[in-house]
């Protein structure tokens, strides 16, 4: 399995024909559940093979949710579904399981990307589970620093969020353009 299709995919279901469907009991609604859709671009400085862009549909919260990645022609290339202690990645290459969202990101990108924090970052605020501080003028001004990432929120009203991690190398940049800011 090559890393390039997986990257285009996290960020990303083989059709299962003839399988019985079991409807699980309804879960209690998640008061933190949110929904975001838009475009996502990940750039790994000096390594174009690990850089990618995709459409996305993100629903739920950092505790329970799902992320679908969509190709430029509009087909779903992969989907992650998570709950406490378990993440299921589904793509045309099959299914893979991970202990948490960080392990999924590390496996798919070869880099640590705090996927659980994205829900709050896309709302223009730090993730409540970890400490943060405002960015200084020399760091870009509007936004905050959290988990080693500078999160720029100057264009949040346009639905644009840029998060960048410089250390450890290589520099990793995540750009998000939300469909509805």
Protein backbone atom coordinates (compact mmCIF):
# COMPACT_ATOMS: atom_id res chain seq x y z
CA UNK A 1 0.00 0.00 0.00
CA UNK A 2 1.61 3.29 -1.03
CA UNK A 3 1.61 6.36 1.16
CA UNK A 4 0.45 8.73 -1.61
CA UNK A 5 -3.05 7.20 -2.00
CA UNK A 6 -3.37 7.05 1.77
CA UNK A 7 -2.48 10.71 2.08
CA UNK A 8 -4.97 11.71 -0.55
CA UNK A 9 -7.33 9.45 1.24
CA UNK A 10 -6.83 11.17 5.38
CA UNK A 11 -7.58 12.79 5.00
CA UNK A 12 -10.42 9.53 3.05
CA UNK A 13 -15.19 2.76 1.12
CA UNK A 14 -14.92 -0.08 -0.71
CA UNK A 15 -18.49 -0.96 -1.54
CA UNK A 16 -19.59 -3.84 0.60
CA UNK A 17 -22.12 -5.82 -1.37
CA UNK A 18 -24.48 -8.31 0.13
CA UNK A 19 -23.65 -7.53 3.75
CA UNK A 20 -26.35 -7.39 6.39
CA UNK A 21 -26.68 -4.06 8.15
CA UNK A 22 -27.20 -3.91 11.89
CA UNK A 23 -28.55 -0.67 13.25
CA UNK A 24 -26.82 0.16 16.54
CA UNK A 25 -28.88 1.58 19.40
CA UNK A 26 -29.13 5.36 19.35
CA UNK A 27 -26.34 7.00 21.32
CA UNK A 28 -26.93 9.96 23.56
CA UNK A 29 -26.39 13.19 21.62
CA UNK A 30 -22.91 14.66 21.96
CA UNK A 31 -23.29 18.23 23.28
CA UNK A 32 -19.90 19.10 21.73
CA UNK A 33 -20.80 17.75 18.26
CA UNK A 34 -20.11 20.10 15.38
CA UNK A 35 -20.03 19.86 11.63
CA UNK A 36 -17.53 21.38 9.21
CA UNK A 37 -16.98 21.01 5.48
CA UNK A 38 -14.49 22.61 3.13
CA UNK A 39 -11.01 22.12 1.68
CA UNK A 40 -7.90 20.99 3.49
CA UNK A 41 -4.30 21.28 2.32
CA UNK A 42 -1.32 19.75 4.13
CA UNK A 43 2.18 20.79 3.07
CA UNK A 44 5.27 19.00 4.32
CA UNK A 45 8.20 21.30 3.53
CA UNK A 46 10.67 19.62 1.18
CA UNK A 47 8.52 16.52 0.65
CA UNK A 48 5.86 17.00 -2.01
CA UNK A 49 5.03 13.27 -1.92
CA UNK A 50 3.60 13.70 1.59
CA UNK A 51 1.78 16.96 0.78
CA UNK A 52 -1.83 16.80 -0.39
CA UNK A 53 -5.16 18.57 -0.58
CA UNK A 54 -8.70 17.24 -0.37
CA UNK A 55 -12.24 18.23 0.36
CA UNK A 56 -13.48 17.18 3.77
CA UNK A 57 -16.64 16.65 5.78
CA UNK A 58 -15.98 16.55 9.53
CA UNK A 59 -18.71 15.76 12.06
CA UNK A 60 -18.78 15.13 15.77
CA UNK A 61 -16.20 16.11 18.35
CA UNK A 62 -12.71 15.14 19.45
CA UNK A 63 -14.32 12.31 21.45
CA UNK A 64 -16.63 10.76 18.83
CA UNK A 65 -17.06 11.59 15.16
CA UNK A 66 -16.17 11.01 11.56
CA UNK A 67 -14.06 12.58 8.84
CA UNK A 68 -14.60 11.93 5.13
CA UNK A 69 -11.97 13.02 2.62
CA UNK A 70 -13.12 13.82 -0.88
CA UNK A 71 -11.11 13.85 -4.12
CA UNK A 72 -11.09 16.86 -6.48
CA UNK A 73 -13.68 15.09 -8.65
CA UNK A 74 -16.04 14.64 -5.69
CA UNK A 75 -15.61 10.98 -4.78
CA UNK A 76 -15.03 9.90 -1.22
CA UNK A 77 -11.53 8.45 -0.97
CA UNK A 78 -11.55 7.56 2.70
CA UNK A 79 -13.36 7.86 5.97
CA UNK A 80 -12.27 7.82 9.60
CA UNK A 81 -14.77 7.03 12.36
CA UNK A 82 -13.73 7.33 15.99
CA UNK A 83 -14.95 6.85 19.52
CA UNK A 84 -13.03 6.58 22.81
CA UNK A 85 -10.13 4.15 22.36
CA UNK A 86 -10.80 3.29 18.72
CA UNK A 87 -10.41 4.80 15.25
CA UNK A 88 -11.49 2.97 12.11
CA UNK A 89 -10.04 4.10 8.75
CA UNK A 90 -11.94 2.88 5.67
CA UNK A 91 -10.73 3.31 2.10
CA UNK A 92 -10.60 1.38 -1.17
CA UNK A 93 -7.50 -0.33 0.28
CA UNK A 94 -9.59 -1.79 3.11
CA UNK A 95 -10.03 -1.07 6.79
CA UNK A 96 -7.39 -0.23 9.38
CA UNK A 97 -7.76 0.35 13.11
CA UNK A 98 -5.88 2.76 15.37
CA UNK A 99 -5.95 3.48 19.10
CA UNK A 100 -6.55 7.22 18.65
CA UNK A 101 -6.62 10.09 16.14
CA UNK A 102 -2.96 10.96 16.75
CA UNK A 103 -1.91 7.42 15.74
CA UNK A 104 -4.00 7.69 12.56
CA UNK A 105 -2.41 11.02 11.60
CA UNK A 106 1.10 9.75 12.36
CA UNK A 107 0.56 6.63 10.25
CA UNK A 108 -1.01 8.43 7.30
CA UNK A 109 1.22 11.48 7.18
CA UNK A 110 4.37 10.31 8.86
CA UNK A 111 3.96 13.41 11.04
CA UNK A 112 2.06 14.27 14.20
CA UNK A 113 -1.03 16.37 13.41
CA UNK A 114 -3.42 17.04 16.30
CA UNK A 115 -6.66 16.00 14.56
CA UNK A 116 -8.63 16.15 17.81
CA UNK A 117 -7.77 19.85 18.18
CA UNK A 118 -9.10 20.74 14.71
CA UNK A 119 -12.71 21.04 15.92
CA UNK A 120 -11.79 23.94 18.20
CA UNK A 121 -9.18 25.37 15.84
CA UNK A 122 -11.77 25.62 13.05
CA UNK A 123 -13.96 27.58 15.44
CA UNK A 124 -11.03 29.98 15.89
CA UNK A 125 -10.20 28.99 19.45
CA UNK A 126 -7.68 26.77 21.24
CA UNK A 127 -8.53 23.16 22.03
CA UNK A 128 -9.83 23.08 25.59
CA UNK A 129 -7.98 19.87 26.45
CA UNK A 130 -4.50 21.48 26.27
CA UNK A 131 -2.87 24.77 27.33
CA UNK A 132 -2.37 27.57 24.82
CA UNK A 133 -1.20 31.18 24.62
CA UNK A 134 -1.89 34.09 22.27
CA UNK A 135 0.53 34.58 19.37
CA UNK A 136 2.98 37.45 19.66
CA UNK A 137 3.40 40.00 16.87
CA UNK A 138 6.61 38.25 15.79
CA UNK A 139 4.72 34.96 15.50
CA UNK A 140 2.08 36.36 13.18
CA UNK A 141 -0.17 38.23 15.58
CA UNK A 142 -3.77 37.06 15.43
CA UNK A 143 -4.25 33.57 16.77
CA UNK A 144 -2.73 31.29 19.36
CA UNK A 145 0.05 28.77 19.96
CA UNK A 146 -0.90 25.28 21.06
CA UNK A 147 0.74 21.84 20.97
CA UNK A 148 3.76 23.35 19.18
CA UNK A 149 1.57 24.83 16.41
CA UNK A 150 0.95 28.48 15.52
CA UNK A 151 -2.72 28.75 14.61
CA UNK A 152 -3.50 31.88 12.57
CA UNK A 153 -7.09 33.10 12.90
CA UNK A 154 -6.83 36.54 11.22
CA UNK A 155 -9.08 35.32 8.36
CA UNK A 156 -11.51 33.25 10.41
CA UNK A 157 -14.40 35.46 9.24
CA UNK A 158 -13.60 34.23 5.69
CA UNK A 159 -13.45 30.62 6.91
CA UNK A 160 -9.65 30.43 6.59
CA UNK A 161 -7.46 28.89 9.29
CA UNK A 162 -3.73 28.24 8.92
CA UNK A 163 -1.81 26.10 11.40
CA UNK A 164 1.94 25.68 11.17
CA UNK A 165 4.43 23.55 13.10
CA UNK A 166 8.10 24.35 12.56
CA UNK A 167 9.71 21.99 15.05
CA UNK A 168 10.57 19.25 14.83
CA UNK A 169 11.56 19.61 11.19
CA UNK A 170 10.18 19.48 8.59
CA UNK A 171 7.84 22.47 8.73
CA UNK A 172 4.27 21.26 8.43
CA UNK A 173 1.46 23.61 7.33
CA UNK A 174 -2.25 22.83 7.43
CA UNK A 175 -4.54 25.25 5.55
CA UNK A 176 -8.30 24.98 5.95
CA UNK A 177 -10.95 26.82 3.95
CA UNK A 178 -14.41 26.22 5.39
CA UNK A 179 -17.40 26.22 3.07
CA UNK A 180 -19.41 28.27 5.56
CA UNK A 181 -17.37 30.45 7.92
